[in-house]
Protein backbone atom coordinates (compact mmCIF):
# COMPACT_ATOMS: atom_id res chain seq x y z
CA UNK A 1 108.79 -216.94 34.13
CA UNK A 2 110.78 -219.15 36.49
CA UNK A 3 114.30 -218.00 37.06
CA UNK A 4 116.95 -220.24 38.73
CA UNK A 5 118.23 -218.90 42.04
CA UNK A 6 121.81 -218.40 43.17
CA UNK A 7 123.16 -221.60 44.78
CA UNK A 8 125.44 -221.10 47.70
CA UNK A 9 127.08 -224.34 48.86
CA UNK A 10 127.40 -225.22 52.55
CA UNK A 11 131.13 -225.29 52.08
CA UNK A 12 131.26 -221.71 50.77
CA UNK A 13 128.80 -220.46 53.55
CA UNK A 14 130.90 -222.14 56.24
CA UNK A 15 134.19 -220.62 54.69
CA UNK A 16 132.66 -217.08 54.65
CA UNK A 17 131.48 -217.47 58.19
CA UNK A 18 134.89 -218.54 59.31
CA UNK A 19 136.41 -215.53 57.63
CA UNK A 20 133.85 -213.19 59.12
CA UNK A 21 134.39 -214.76 62.66
CA UNK A 22 138.24 -214.21 62.09
CA UNK A 23 137.43 -210.60 61.35
CA UNK A 24 135.42 -210.26 64.52
CA UNK A 25 138.20 -211.65 66.56
CA UNK A 26 140.61 -209.21 65.03
CA UNK A 27 138.31 -206.23 65.70
CA UNK A 28 137.71 -207.23 69.29
CA UNK A 29 141.48 -207.78 69.84
CA UNK A 30 142.12 -204.39 68.50
CA UNK A 31 139.47 -203.00 70.90
CA UNK A 32 141.04 -204.68 73.76
CA UNK A 33 144.44 -203.39 72.65
CA UNK A 34 143.04 -199.90 72.60
CA UNK A 35 141.45 -200.23 76.07
CA UNK A 36 144.81 -201.31 77.46
CA UNK A 37 146.97 -198.85 75.69
CA UNK A 38 144.83 -195.79 76.60
CA UNK A 39 144.08 -197.04 80.02
CA UNK A 40 140.27 -196.98 79.30
CA UNK A 41 137.78 -198.58 81.52
CA UNK A 42 136.67 -202.05 80.61
CA UNK A 43 133.16 -201.03 80.19
CA UNK A 44 134.29 -199.86 76.74
CA UNK A 45 133.89 -203.43 75.58
CA UNK A 46 130.20 -203.12 75.88
CA UNK A 47 129.84 -199.41 74.99
CA UNK A 48 131.78 -199.73 71.67
CA UNK A 49 130.19 -202.73 70.27
CA UNK A 50 128.88 -200.72 67.14
CA UNK A 51 132.45 -199.55 66.53
CA UNK A 52 133.66 -203.07 66.83
CA UNK A 53 130.99 -204.26 64.29
CA UNK A 54 132.11 -201.54 61.86
CA UNK A 55 135.62 -202.44 62.29
CA UNK A 56 134.68 -206.14 61.64
CA UNK A 57 133.21 -205.08 58.36
CA UNK A 58 136.24 -203.12 57.40
CA UNK A 59 138.66 -206.02 58.32
CA UNK A 60 136.33 -208.43 56.35
CA UNK A 61 136.44 -206.17 53.30
CA UNK A 62 140.31 -205.88 53.54
CA UNK A 63 140.51 -209.70 53.71
CA UNK A 64 138.06 -210.21 50.92
CA UNK A 65 140.05 -207.79 48.66
CA UNK A 66 143.27 -209.63 49.43
CA UNK A 67 141.66 -213.04 48.86
CA UNK A 68 140.48 -211.75 45.50
CA UNK A 69 143.85 -210.31 44.59
CA UNK A 70 145.44 -213.77 45.56
CA UNK A 71 142.90 -215.61 43.53
CA UNK A 72 143.27 -213.40 40.38
CA UNK A 73 147.03 -213.52 40.49
CA UNK A 74 147.02 -217.20 40.99
CA UNK A 75 144.59 -217.70 38.10
CA UNK A 76 146.79 -215.31 35.85
CA UNK A 77 149.89 -217.33 36.67
CA UNK A 78 148.28 -220.70 36.08
CA UNK A 79 146.99 -219.43 32.58
CA UNK A 80 150.42 -218.04 31.61
């Protein structure tokens, strides 16, 4: 039995990669802000990489939920 796979276009892949990169930049920016605010040593940039990656995932999920909400509301308004 041959099932067709899921097709992800290059455009969608590039869009999601850009959103993920934006999330990483935001998480790194928050880390730099925390280092400056709490007068922590700059070695925290390297030692807190896992926390930055977790923050990246959280920011990406928040952005994903906002995008889905915006998309759903836009479709609802267009259908009305």
